[in-house]
Structures are given as structure tokens and as C-alpha cells.
Amino acid sequence: AGLGDIGRHFPDSDPQYAGIDSRVLLRSTVEKVAARGWRVVNVDLTLIAQAPRLSPYVDTMRGNIAADLDVDTDAVNVKATTTEGLGFTGREEGIAALAVVLLDRVPAPA
């Protein structure tokens, strides 16, 4: 949708975003995308963390993300993996996430 990166819309220097629920940011992003004439078709997410083990939460995450994106749960894939002890995630200094989202242009009203 050409909206730029997350820091442009939710800068980490702005105190209003400190500790904010990521679902609030996701819903806001969906609104911004829709305002540009796009809709989410599907999403593929990879969560990278040595700890905690995220696999028990994957189904709940899929449901929450699907609800926030206004898509079926079948359109959301969430995978959890580790780096086998390598890097900052392997040292448990943080977690990482990768997302690929397919958008579709919403036809203009006739």
C-alpha cells in the first residue's frame, strides 16, 4: 500500500506507543491500508524466539490476527521457530518476527 515502515506511523520515540498492545497497532494499520484502497488477502508470519516456546499459542494468535485483519483463520499462517541458540534470539535477548502480507486492490465503486 506504499505506507512506509512501522517507525513512520508508530515511532518508538513517541511515549504514547510505549507498552502499547500490538493488536491496537495492527488494527490501526489495517485502517490505514483500507483508506488507501487495499484489503488483506492473507498473511504468513514467522516468530523467532529461543524462549518462551510459542507453539502452544499459535492457534490463539492465528485467531486474534485473523479477527484484527478481518480475514478467515485459513488466511493466516503463524510459525514459531528458534535459531538453535545463535544470535540475539538464541541468547534470549529478544525475539524477532517476519511477516509477508498479500494485499488486493479494492475495486472502486461503480
PDB file of N, CA and C in Angstrom:
ATOM      1  N   ALA A   1       0.821  -1.197   0.000  1.00  0.00           N
ATOM      2  CA  ALA A   1       0.000   0.000   0.000  1.00  0.00           C
ATOM      3  C   ALA A   1       0.861   1.255   0.000  1.00  0.00           C
ATOM      4  N   GLY A   2       2.187   1.065   0.060  1.00  0.00           N
ATOM      5  CA  GLY A   2       3.097   2.204  -0.023  1.00  0.00           C
ATOM      6  C   GLY A   2       3.060   3.124   1.171  1.00  0.00           C
ATOM      7  N   LEU A   3       2.846   2.584   2.351  1.00  0.00           N
ATOM      8  CA  LEU A   3       2.709   3.413   3.547  1.00  0.00           C
ATOM      9  C   LEU A   3       4.013   3.628   4.313  1.00  0.00           C
ATOM     10  N   GLY A   4       5.107   3.042   3.874  1.00  0.00           N
ATOM     11  CA  GLY A   4       6.364   3.201   4.604  1.00  0.00           C
ATOM     12  C   GLY A   4       6.487   2.196   5.730  1.00  0.00           C
ATOM     13  N   ASP A   5       7.514   2.372   6.544  1.00  0.00           N
ATOM     14  CA  ASP A   5       7.764   1.397   7.605  1.00  0.00           C
ATOM     15  C   ASP A   5       7.041   1.749   8.902  1.00  0.00           C
ATOM     16  N   ILE A   6       7.101   0.833   9.829  1.00  0.00           N
ATOM     17  CA  ILE A   6       6.355   0.957  11.086  1.00  0.00           C
ATOM     18  C   ILE A   6       6.766   2.191  11.885  1.00  0.00           C
ATOM     19  N   GLY A   7       8.054   2.539  11.849  1.00  0.00           N
ATOM     20  CA  GLY A   7       8.531   3.691  12.605  1.00  0.00           C
ATOM     21  C   GLY A   7       7.965   5.013  12.128  1.00  0.00           C
ATOM     22  N   ARG A   8       7.536   5.056  10.896  1.00  0.00           N
ATOM     23  CA  ARG A   8       6.926   6.273  10.357  1.00  0.00           C
ATOM     24  C   ARG A   8       5.566   6.534  10.998  1.00  0.00           C
ATOM     25  N   HIS A   9       4.847   5.474  11.282  1.00  0.00           N
ATOM     26  CA  HIS A   9       3.489   5.610  11.809  1.00  0.00           C
ATOM     27  C   HIS A   9       3.418   5.480  13.328  1.00  0.00           C
ATOM     28  N   PHE A  10       4.331   4.697  13.886  1.00  0.00           N
ATOM     29  CA  PHE A  10       4.332   4.439  15.331  1.00  0.00           C
ATOM     30  C   PHE A  10       5.765   4.568  15.858  1.00  0.00           C
ATOM     31  N   PRO A  11       6.314   5.783  15.883  1.00  0.00           N
ATOM     32  CA  PRO A  11       7.718   5.947  16.269  1.00  0.00           C
ATOM     33  C   PRO A  11       7.979   5.523  17.719  1.00  0.00           C
ATOM     34  N   ASP A  12       9.096   4.818  17.916  1.00  0.00           N
ATOM     35  CA  ASP A  12       9.420   4.365  19.268  1.00  0.00           C
ATOM     36  C   ASP A  12       9.824   5.519  20.179  1.00  0.00           C
ATOM     37  N   SER A  13      10.020   6.698  19.609  1.00  0.00           N
ATOM     38  CA  SER A  13      10.333   7.885  20.405  1.00  0.00           C
ATOM     39  C   SER A  13       9.078   8.557  20.962  1.00  0.00           C
ATOM     40  N   ASP A  14       7.907   8.115  20.535  1.00  0.00           N
ATOM     41  CA  ASP A  14       6.639   8.694  20.990  1.00  0.00           C
ATOM     42  C   ASP A  14       6.135   7.904  22.190  1.00  0.00           C
ATOM     43  N   PRO A  15       6.041   8.544  23.364  1.00  0.00           N
ATOM     44  CA  PRO A  15       5.644   7.828  24.584  1.00  0.00           C
ATOM     45  C   PRO A  15       4.266   7.173  24.516  1.00  0.00           C
ATOM     46  N   GLN A  16       3.389   7.636  23.636  1.00  0.00           N
ATOM     47  CA  GLN A  16       2.057   7.030  23.568  1.00  0.00           C
ATOM     48  C   GLN A  16       2.111   5.576  23.100  1.00  0.00           C
ATOM     49  N   TYR A  17       3.229   5.180  22.475  1.00  0.00           N
ATOM     50  CA  TYR A  17       3.348   3.811  21.982  1.00  0.00           C
ATOM     51  C   TYR A  17       4.134   2.902  22.924  1.00  0.00           C
ATOM     52  N   ALA A  18       4.631   3.438  24.015  1.00  0.00           N
ATOM     53  CA  ALA A  18       5.379   2.620  24.980  1.00  0.00           C
ATOM     54  C   ALA A  18       4.439   1.593  25.608  1.00  0.00           C
ATOM     55  N   GLY A  19       4.754   0.323  25.430  1.00  0.00           N
ATOM     56  CA  GLY A  19       3.960  -0.747  26.030  1.00  0.00           C
ATOM     57  C   GLY A  19       2.599  -0.970  25.394  1.00  0.00           C
ATOM     58  N   ILE A  20       2.346  -0.368  24.244  1.00  0.00           N
ATOM     59  CA  ILE A  20       1.023  -0.493  23.618  1.00  0.00           C
ATOM     60  C   ILE A  20       0.787  -1.927  23.136  1.00  0.00           C
ATOM     61  N   ASP A  21      -0.440  -2.353  23.202  1.00  0.00           N
ATOM     62  CA  ASP A  21      -0.840  -3.665  22.703  1.00  0.00           C
ATOM     63  C   ASP A  21      -0.622  -3.691  21.191  1.00  0.00           C
ATOM     64  N   SER A  22       0.126  -4.661  20.713  1.00  0.00           N
ATOM     65  CA  SER A  22       0.423  -4.740  19.280  1.00  0.00           C
ATOM     66  C   SER A  22      -0.834  -4.909  18.438  1.00  0.00           C
ATOM     67  N   ARG A  23      -1.887  -5.447  19.026  1.00  0.00           N
ATOM     68  CA  ARG A  23      -3.134  -5.594  18.275  1.00  0.00           C
ATOM     69  C   ARG A  23      -3.743  -4.230  17.960  1.00  0.00           C
ATOM     70  N   VAL A  24      -3.547  -3.261  18.831  1.00  0.00           N
ATOM     71  CA  VAL A  24      -4.019  -1.897  18.565  1.00  0.00           C
ATOM     72  C   VAL A  24      -3.293  -1.346  17.337  1.00  0.00           C
ATOM     73  N   LEU A  25      -1.991  -1.580  17.270  1.00  0.00           N
ATOM     74  CA  LEU A  25      -1.208  -1.118  16.119  1.00  0.00           C
ATOM     75  C   LEU A  25      -1.625  -1.843  14.845  1.00  0.00           C
ATOM     76  N   LEU A  26      -1.890  -3.141  14.958  1.00  0.00           N
ATOM     77  CA  LEU A  26      -2.312  -3.913  13.789  1.00  0.00           C
ATOM     78  C   LEU A  26      -3.641  -3.395  13.245  1.00  0.00           C
ATOM     79  N   ARG A  27      -4.610  -3.171  14.128  1.00  0.00           N
ATOM     80  CA  ARG A  27      -5.916  -2.670  13.677  1.00  0.00           C
ATOM     81  C   ARG A  27      -5.782  -1.281  13.047  1.00  0.00           C
ATOM     82  N   SER A  28      -4.932  -0.449  13.621  1.00  0.00           N
ATOM     83  CA  SER A  28      -4.703   0.878  13.049  1.00  0.00           C
ATOM     84  C   SER A  28      -4.079   0.769  11.660  1.00  0.00           C
ATOM     85  N   THR A  29      -3.164  -0.172  11.503  1.00  0.00           N
ATOM     86  CA  THR A  29      -2.525  -0.387  10.203  1.00  0.00           C
ATOM     87  C   THR A  29      -3.535  -0.860   9.166  1.00  0.00           C
ATOM     88  N   VAL A  30      -4.425  -1.756   9.563  1.00  0.00           N
ATOM     89  CA  VAL A  30      -5.466  -2.235   8.647  1.00  0.00           C
ATOM     90  C   VAL A  30      -6.332  -1.060   8.183  1.00  0.00           C
ATOM     91  N   GLU A  31      -6.650  -0.155   9.089  1.00  0.00           N
ATOM     92  CA  GLU A  31      -7.438   1.028   8.719  1.00  0.00           C
ATOM     93  C   GLU A  31      -6.687   1.900   7.715  1.00  0.00           C
ATOM     94  N   LYS A  32      -5.394   2.081   7.935  1.00  0.00           N
ATOM     95  CA  LYS A  32      -4.582   2.889   7.023  1.00  0.00           C
ATOM     96  C   LYS A  32      -4.520   2.248   5.632  1.00  0.00           C
ATOM     97  N   VAL A  33      -4.360   0.935   5.602  1.00  0.00           N
ATOM     98  CA  VAL A  33      -4.308   0.201   4.338  1.00  0.00           C
ATOM     99  C   VAL A  33      -5.650   0.320   3.608  1.00  0.00           C
ATOM    100  N   ALA A  34      -6.745   0.152   4.344  1.00  0.00           N
ATOM    101  CA  ALA A  34      -8.079   0.251   3.747  1.00  0.00           C
ATOM    102  C   ALA A  34      -8.334   1.657   3.205  1.00  0.00           C
ATOM    103  N   ALA A  35      -7.853   2.667   3.916  1.00  0.00           N
ATOM    104  CA  ALA A  35      -8.037   4.046   3.460  1.00  0.00           C
ATOM    105  C   ALA A  35      -7.322   4.297   2.136  1.00  0.00           C
ATOM    106  N   ARG A  36      -6.315   3.502   1.849  1.00  0.00           N
ATOM    107  CA  ARG A  36      -5.585   3.599   0.590  1.00  0.00           C
ATOM    108  C   ARG A  36      -6.198   2.735  -0.506  1.00  0.00           C
ATOM    109  N   GLY A  37      -7.294   2.014  -0.176  1.00  0.00           N
ATOM    110  CA  GLY A  37      -7.987   1.222  -1.185  1.00  0.00           C
ATOM    111  C   GLY A  37      -7.513  -0.212  -1.318  1.00  0.00           C
ATOM    112  N   TRP A  38      -6.963  -0.766  -0.240  1.00  0.00           N
ATOM    113  CA  TRP A  38      -6.462  -2.138  -0.260  1.00  0.00           C
ATOM    114  C   TRP A  38      -7.121  -2.955   0.839  1.00  0.00           C
ATOM    115  N   ARG A  39      -7.081  -4.278   0.666  1.00  0.00           N
ATOM    116  CA  ARG A  39      -7.557  -5.185   1.710  1.00  0.00           C
ATOM    117  C   ARG A  39      -6.566  -6.332   1.836  1.00  0.00           C
ATOM    118  N   VAL A  40      -6.503  -6.905   3.020  1.00  0.00           N
ATOM    119  CA  VAL A  40      -5.613  -8.037   3.271  1.00  0.00           C
ATOM    120  C   VAL A  40      -6.242  -9.303   2.696  1.00  0.00           C
ATOM    121  N   VAL A  41      -5.453 -10.068   1.955  1.00  0.00           N
ATOM    122  CA  VAL A  41      -5.890 -11.361   1.420  1.00  0.00           C
ATOM    123  C   VAL A  41      -5.411 -12.478   2.335  1.00  0.00           C
ATOM    124  N   ASN A  42      -4.111 -12.482   2.621  1.00  0.00           N
ATOM    125  CA  ASN A  42      -3.569 -13.467   3.551  1.00  0.00           C
ATOM    126  C   ASN A  42      -2.270 -12.957   4.143  1.00  0.00           C
ATOM    127  N   VAL A  43      -1.809 -13.654   5.179  1.00  0.00           N
ATOM    128  CA  VAL A  43      -0.579 -13.266   5.866  1.00  0.00           C
ATOM    129  C   VAL A  43       0.166 -14.521   6.304  1.00  0.00           C
ATOM    130  N   ASP A  44       1.485 -14.475   6.203  1.00  0.00           N
ATOM    131  CA  ASP A  44       2.348 -15.558   6.654  1.00  0.00           C
ATOM    132  C   ASP A  44       3.356 -14.964   7.635  1.00  0.00           C
ATOM    133  N   LEU A  45       3.335 -15.452   8.868  1.00  0.00           N
ATOM    134  CA  LEU A  45       4.182 -14.908   9.930  1.00  0.00           C
ATOM    135  C   LEU A  45       5.148 -15.958  10.438  1.00  0.00           C
ATOM    136  N   THR A  46       6.375 -15.539  10.693  1.00  0.00           N
ATOM    137  CA  THR A  46       7.354 -16.394  11.338  1.00  0.00           C
ATOM    138  C   THR A  46       7.830 -15.676  12.593  1.00  0.00           C
ATOM    139  N   LEU A  47       7.677 -16.321  13.734  1.00  0.00           N
ATOM    140  CA  LEU A  47       8.135 -15.795  15.014  1.00  0.00           C
ATOM    141  C   LEU A  47       9.402 -16.542  15.390  1.00  0.00           C
ATOM    142  N   ILE A  48      10.445 -15.807  15.744  1.00  0.00           N
ATOM    143  CA  ILE A  48      11.740 -16.405  16.051  1.00  0.00           C
ATOM    144  C   ILE A  48      12.077 -16.091  17.502  1.00  0.00           C
ATOM    145  N   ALA A  49      12.120 -17.142  18.324  1.00  0.00           N
ATOM    146  CA  ALA A  49      12.408 -16.965  19.750  1.00  0.00           C
ATOM    147  C   ALA A  49      12.966 -18.260  20.321  1.00  0.00           C
ATOM    148  N   GLN A  50      14.009 -18.140  21.104  1.00  0.00           N
ATOM    149  CA  GLN A  50      14.535 -19.307  21.806  1.00  0.00           C
ATOM    150  C   GLN A  50      13.590 -19.668  22.956  1.00  0.00           C
ATOM    151  N   ALA A  51      13.113 -18.633  23.626  1.00  0.00           N
ATOM    152  CA  ALA A  51      12.173 -18.805  24.731  1.00  0.00           C
ATOM    153  C   ALA A  51      11.336 -17.538  24.800  1.00  0.00           C
ATOM    154  N   PRO A  52      10.110 -17.639  25.181  1.00  0.00           N
ATOM    155  CA  PRO A  52       9.392 -18.858  25.550  1.00  0.00           C
ATOM    156  C   PRO A  52       9.018 -19.667  24.305  1.00  0.00           C
ATOM    157  N   ARG A  53       8.640 -20.891  24.529  1.00  0.00           N
ATOM    158  CA  ARG A  53       8.131 -21.723  23.440  1.00  0.00           C
ATOM    159  C   ARG A  53       6.784 -21.145  23.022  1.00  0.00           C
ATOM    160  N   LEU A  54       6.649 -20.821  21.765  1.00  0.00           N
ATOM    161  CA  LEU A  54       5.444 -20.141  21.286  1.00  0.00           C
ATOM    162  C   LEU A  54       4.415 -21.070  20.666  1.00  0.00           C
ATOM    163  N   SER A  55       4.809 -22.295  20.341  1.00  0.00           N
ATOM    164  CA  SER A  55       3.889 -23.202  19.641  1.00  0.00           C
ATOM    165  C   SER A  55       2.557 -23.406  20.359  1.00  0.00           C
ATOM    166  N   PRO A  56       2.496 -23.418  21.701  1.00  0.00           N
ATOM    167  CA  PRO A  56       1.184 -23.580  22.341  1.00  0.00           C
ATOM    168  C   PRO A  56       0.225 -22.408  22.094  1.00  0.00           C
ATOM    169  N   TYR A  57       0.752 -21.283  21.646  1.00  0.00           N
ATOM    170  CA  TYR A  57      -0.060 -20.076  21.469  1.00  0.00           C
ATOM    171  C   TYR A  57      -0.407 -19.788  20.012  1.00  0.00           C
ATOM    172  N   VAL A  58       0.120 -20.590  19.096  1.00  0.00           N
ATOM    173  CA  VAL A  58      -0.036 -20.310  17.666  1.00  0.00           C
ATOM    174  C   VAL A  58      -1.501 -20.241  17.244  1.00  0.00           C
ATOM    175  N   ASP A  59      -2.325 -21.175  17.671  1.00  0.00           N
ATOM    176  CA  ASP A  59      -3.737 -21.161  17.256  1.00  0.00           C
ATOM    177  C   ASP A  59      -4.463 -19.924  17.771  1.00  0.00           C
ATOM    178  N   THR A  60      -4.191 -19.533  19.009  1.00  0.00           N
ATOM    179  CA  THR A  60      -4.802 -18.318  19.560  1.00  0.00           C
ATOM    180  C   THR A  60      -4.332 -17.094  18.790  1.00  0.00           C
ATOM    181  N   MET A  61      -3.039 -17.039  18.489  1.00  0.00           N
ATOM    182  CA  MET A  61      -2.505 -15.918  17.710  1.00  0.00           C
ATOM    183  C   MET A  61      -3.154 -15.855  16.333  1.00  0.00           C
ATOM    184  N   ARG A  62      -3.298 -17.002  15.680  1.00  0.00           N
ATOM    185  CA  ARG A  62      -3.948 -17.033  14.357  1.00  0.00           C
ATOM    186  C   ARG A  62      -5.352 -16.449  14.439  1.00  0.00           C
ATOM    187  N   GLY A  63      -6.113 -16.861  15.441  1.00  0.00           N
ATOM    188  CA  GLY A  63      -7.476 -16.363  15.591  1.00  0.00           C
ATOM    189  C   GLY A  63      -7.528 -14.871  15.841  1.00  0.00           C
ATOM    190  N   ASN A  64      -6.655 -14.385  16.721  1.00  0.00           N
ATOM    191  CA  ASN A  64      -6.628 -12.953  17.024  1.00  0.00           C
ATOM    192  C   ASN A  64      -6.215 -12.129  15.810  1.00  0.00           C
ATOM    193  N   ILE A  65      -5.191 -12.590  15.121  1.00  0.00           N
ATOM    194  CA  ILE A  65      -4.718 -11.862  13.942  1.00  0.00           C
ATOM    195  C   ILE A  65      -5.785 -11.865  12.850  1.00  0.00           C
ATOM    196  N   ALA A  66      -6.411 -13.004  12.628  1.00  0.00           N
ATOM    197  CA  ALA A  66      -7.480 -13.083  11.623  1.00  0.00           C
ATOM    198  C   ALA A  66      -8.610 -12.111  11.957  1.00  0.00           C
ATOM    199  N   ALA A  67      -8.994 -12.059  13.227  1.00  0.00           N
ATOM    200  CA  ALA A  67     -10.061 -11.138  13.637  1.00  0.00           C
ATOM    201  C   ALA A  67      -9.655  -9.691  13.377  1.00  0.00           C
ATOM    202  N   ASP A  68      -8.414  -9.346  13.723  1.00  0.00           N
ATOM    203  CA  ASP A  68      -7.954  -7.969  13.541  1.00  0.00           C
ATOM    204  C   ASP A  68      -7.804  -7.594  12.071  1.00  0.00           C
ATOM    205  N   LEU A  69      -7.487  -8.581  11.230  1.00  0.00           N
ATOM    206  CA  LEU A  69      -7.336  -8.322   9.797  1.00  0.00           C
ATOM    207  C   LEU A  69      -8.642  -8.478   9.033  1.00  0.00           C
ATOM    208  N   ASP A  70      -9.672  -8.977   9.714  1.00  0.00           N
ATOM    209  CA  ASP A  70     -10.974  -9.241   9.098  1.00  0.00           C
ATOM    210  C   ASP A  70     -10.843 -10.238   7.944  1.00  0.00           C
ATOM    211  N   VAL A  71     -10.121 -11.349   8.229  1.00  0.00           N
ATOM    212  CA  VAL A  71      -9.980 -12.443   7.268  1.00  0.00           C
ATOM    213  C   VAL A  71     -10.268 -13.751   7.997  1.00  0.00           C
ATOM    214  N   ASP A  72     -10.502 -14.822   7.239  1.00  0.00           N
ATOM    215  CA  ASP A  72     -10.676 -16.147   7.833  1.00  0.00           C
ATOM    216  C   ASP A  72      -9.358 -16.618   8.432  1.00  0.00           C
ATOM    217  N   THR A  73      -9.437 -17.466   9.440  1.00  0.00           N
ATOM    218  CA  THR A  73      -8.210 -18.007  10.033  1.00  0.00           C
ATOM    219  C   THR A  73      -7.403 -18.803   9.011  1.00  0.00           C
ATOM    220  N   ASP A  74      -8.073 -19.356   7.994  1.00  0.00           N
ATOM    221  CA  ASP A  74      -7.356 -20.078   6.936  1.00  0.00           C
ATOM    222  C   ASP A  74      -6.419 -19.163   6.147  1.00  0.00           C
ATOM    223  N   ALA A  75      -6.616 -17.865   6.239  1.00  0.00           N
ATOM    224  CA  ALA A  75      -5.783 -16.905   5.515  1.00  0.00           C
ATOM    225  C   ALA A  75      -4.601 -16.418   6.353  1.00  0.00           C
ATOM    226  N   VAL A  76      -4.440 -16.990   7.547  1.00  0.00           N
ATOM    227  CA  VAL A  76      -3.355 -16.585   8.445  1.00  0.00           C
ATOM    228  C   VAL A  76      -2.514 -17.803   8.789  1.00  0.00           C
ATOM    229  N   ASN A  77      -1.224 -17.714   8.519  1.00  0.00           N
ATOM    230  CA  ASN A  77      -0.292 -18.770   8.892  1.00  0.00           C
ATOM    231  C   ASN A  77       0.708 -18.195   9.887  1.00  0.00           C
ATOM    232  N   VAL A  78       0.857 -18.865  11.019  1.00  0.00           N
ATOM    233  CA  VAL A  78       1.813 -18.451  12.043  1.00  0.00           C
ATOM    234  C   VAL A  78       2.725 -19.628  12.333  1.00  0.00           C
ATOM    235  N   LYS A  79       4.027 -19.389  12.217  1.00  0.00           N
ATOM    236  CA  LYS A  79       5.021 -20.415  12.514  1.00  0.00           C
ATOM    237  C   LYS A  79       5.939 -19.887  13.601  1.00  0.00           C
ATOM    238  N   ALA A  80       6.366 -20.767  14.492  1.00  0.00           N
ATOM    239  CA  ALA A  80       7.328 -20.400  15.528  1.00  0.00           C
ATOM    240  C   ALA A  80       8.573 -21.257  15.347  1.00  0.00           C
ATOM    241  N   THR A  81       9.731 -20.618  15.462  1.00  0.00           N
ATOM    242  CA  THR A  81      10.990 -21.342  15.309  1.00  0.00           C
ATOM    243  C   THR A  81      12.039 -20.737  16.229  1.00  0.00           C
ATOM    244  N   THR A  82      13.193 -21.379  16.301  1.00  0.00           N
ATOM    245  CA  THR A  82      14.324 -20.864  17.071  1.00  0.00           C
ATOM    246  C   THR A  82      15.504 -20.688  16.126  1.00  0.00           C
ATOM    247  N   THR A  83      16.568 -20.112  16.646  1.00  0.00           N
ATOM    248  CA  THR A  83      17.819 -20.026  15.892  1.00  0.00           C
ATOM    249  C   THR A  83      18.844 -20.995  16.473  1.00  0.00           C
ATOM    250  N   GLU A  84      18.355 -21.993  17.203  1.00  0.00           N
ATOM    251  CA  GLU A  84      19.221 -23.030  17.776  1.00  0.00           C
ATOM    252  C   GLU A  84      20.353 -22.426  18.595  1.00  0.00           C
ATOM    253  N   GLY A  85      20.016 -21.398  19.382  1.00  0.00           N
ATOM    254  CA  GLY A  85      20.992 -20.789  20.278  1.00  0.00           C
ATOM    255  C   GLY A  85      21.867 -19.719  19.652  1.00  0.00           C
ATOM    256  N   LEU A  86      21.677 -19.420  18.375  1.00  0.00           N
ATOM    257  CA  LEU A  86      22.516 -18.440  17.694  1.00  0.00           C
ATOM    258  C   LEU A  86      21.900 -17.045  17.734  1.00  0.00           C
ATOM    259  N   GLY A  87      22.757 -16.030  17.746  1.00  0.00           N
ATOM    260  CA  GLY A  87      22.319 -14.643  17.656  1.00  0.00           C
ATOM    261  C   GLY A  87      21.588 -14.149  18.893  1.00  0.00           C
ATOM    262  N   PHE A  88      21.048 -12.935  18.779  1.00  0.00           N
ATOM    263  CA  PHE A  88      20.385 -12.334  19.935  1.00  0.00           C
ATOM    264  C   PHE A  88      19.148 -13.106  20.362  1.00  0.00           C
ATOM    265  N   THR A  89      18.440 -13.714  19.405  1.00  0.00           N
ATOM    266  CA  THR A  89      17.273 -14.511  19.804  1.00  0.00           C
ATOM    267  C   THR A  89      17.713 -15.782  20.501  1.00  0.00           C
ATOM    268  N   GLY A  90      18.783 -16.383  20.033  1.00  0.00           N
ATOM    269  CA  GLY A  90      19.308 -17.593  20.656  1.00  0.00           C
ATOM    270  C   GLY A  90      19.838 -17.351  22.057  1.00  0.00           C
ATOM    271  N   ARG A  91      20.364 -16.146  22.291  1.00  0.00           N
ATOM    272  CA  ARG A  91      20.840 -15.780  23.631  1.00  0.00           C
ATOM    273  C   ARG A  91      19.699 -15.286  24.518  1.00  0.00           C
ATOM    274  N   GLU A  92      18.474 -15.326  23.996  1.00  0.00           N
ATOM    275  CA  GLU A  92      17.268 -14.896  24.704  1.00  0.00           C
ATOM    276  C   GLU A  92      17.305 -13.419  25.079  1.00  0.00           C
ATOM    277  N   GLU A  93      17.917 -12.616  24.205  1.00  0.00           N
ATOM    278  CA  GLU A  93      17.958 -11.175  24.410  1.00  0.00           C
ATOM    279  C   GLU A  93      16.762 -10.479  23.763  1.00  0.00           C
ATOM    280  N   GLY A  94      16.003 -11.221  23.002  1.00  0.00           N
ATOM    281  CA  GLY A  94      14.833 -10.664  22.341  1.00  0.00           C
ATOM    282  C   GLY A  94      14.222 -11.693  21.413  1.00  0.00           C
ATOM    283  N   ILE A  95      13.161 -11.293  20.755  1.00  0.00           N
ATOM    284  CA  ILE A  95      12.530 -12.148  19.755  1.00  0.00           C
ATOM    285  C   ILE A  95      12.458 -11.365  18.448  1.00  0.00           C
ATOM    286  N   ALA A  96      12.192 -12.063  17.367  1.00  0.00           N
ATOM    287  CA  ALA A  96      12.070 -11.420  16.059  1.00  0.00           C
ATOM    288  C   ALA A  96      10.828 -11.959  15.368  1.00  0.00           C
ATOM    289  N   ALA A  97      10.312 -11.180  14.443  1.00  0.00           N
ATOM    290  CA  ALA A  97       9.142 -11.602  13.675  1.00  0.00           C
ATOM    291  C   ALA A  97       9.317 -11.157  12.230  1.00  0.00           C
ATOM    292  N   LEU A  98       8.893 -12.020  11.332  1.00  0.00           N
ATOM    293  CA  LEU A  98       8.885 -11.722   9.903  1.00  0.00           C
ATOM    294  C   LEU A  98       7.460 -11.914   9.401  1.00  0.00           C
ATOM    295  N   ALA A  99       7.015 -11.022   8.536  1.00  0.00           N
ATOM    296  CA  ALA A  99       5.652 -11.137   8.013  1.00  0.00           C
ATOM    297  C   ALA A  99       5.637 -10.839   6.521  1.00  0.00           C
ATOM    298  N   VAL A 100       4.861 -11.635   5.809  1.00  0.00           N
ATOM    299  CA  VAL A 100       4.587 -11.381   4.397  1.00  0.00           C
ATOM    300  C   VAL A 100       3.073 -11.283   4.270  1.00  0.00           C
ATOM    301  N   VAL A 101       2.609 -10.181   3.693  1.00  0.00           N
ATOM    302  CA  VAL A 101       1.174  -9.934   3.588  1.00  0.00           C
ATOM    303  C   VAL A 101       0.814  -9.718   2.121  1.00  0.00           C
ATOM    304  N   LEU A 102      -0.212 -10.428   1.671  1.00  0.00           N
ATOM    305  CA  LEU A 102      -0.729 -10.218   0.321  1.00  0.00           C
ATOM    306  C   LEU A 102      -1.912  -9.264   0.408  1.00  0.00           C
ATOM    307  N   LEU A 103      -1.820  -8.164  -0.330  1.00  0.00           N
ATOM    308  CA  LEU A 103      -2.904  -7.187  -0.393  1.00  0.00           C
ATOM    309  C   LEU A 103      -3.552  -7.253  -1.766  1.00  0.00           C
ATOM    310  N   ASP A 104      -4.822  -6.878  -1.808  1.00  0.00           N
ATOM    311  CA  ASP A 104      -5.556  -6.817  -3.067  1.00  0.00           C
ATOM    312  C   ASP A 104      -6.231  -5.456  -3.145  1.00  0.00           C
ATOM    313  N   ARG A 105      -6.196  -4.863  -4.319  1.00  0.00           N
ATOM    314  CA  ARG A 105      -6.839  -3.564  -4.518  1.00  0.00           C
ATOM    315  C   ARG A 105      -8.351  -3.746  -4.464  1.00  0.00           C
ATOM    316  N   VAL A 106      -9.006  -2.928  -3.685  1.00  0.00           N
ATOM    317  CA  VAL A 106     -10.466  -2.960  -3.594  1.00  0.00           C
ATOM    318  C   VAL A 106     -11.005  -2.169  -4.783  1.00  0.00           C
ATOM    319  N   PRO A 107     -11.882  -2.790  -5.580  1.00  0.00           N
ATOM    320  CA  PRO A 107     -12.422  -2.065  -6.741  1.00  0.00           C
ATOM    321  C   PRO A 107     -13.162  -0.801  -6.308  1.00  0.00           C
ATOM    322  N   ALA A 108     -12.981   0.250  -7.072  1.00  0.00           N
ATOM    323  CA  ALA A 108     -13.688   1.499  -6.799  1.00  0.00           C
ATOM    324  C   ALA A 108     -15.171   1.292  -7.064  1.00  0.00           C
ATOM    325  N   PRO A 109     -16.030   1.937  -6.266  1.00  0.00           N
ATOM    326  CA  PRO A 109     -17.473   1.812  -6.501  1.00  0.00           C
ATOM    327  C   PRO A 109     -17.836   2.327  -7.892  1.00  0.00           C
ATOM    328  N   ALA A 110     -18.752   1.613  -8.520  1.00  0.00           N
ATOM    329  CA  ALA A 110     -19.165   1.996  -9.887  1.00  0.00           C
ATOM    330  C   ALA A 110     -20.155   3.125  -9.872  1.00  0.00           C
TER     331      ALA A 110
END
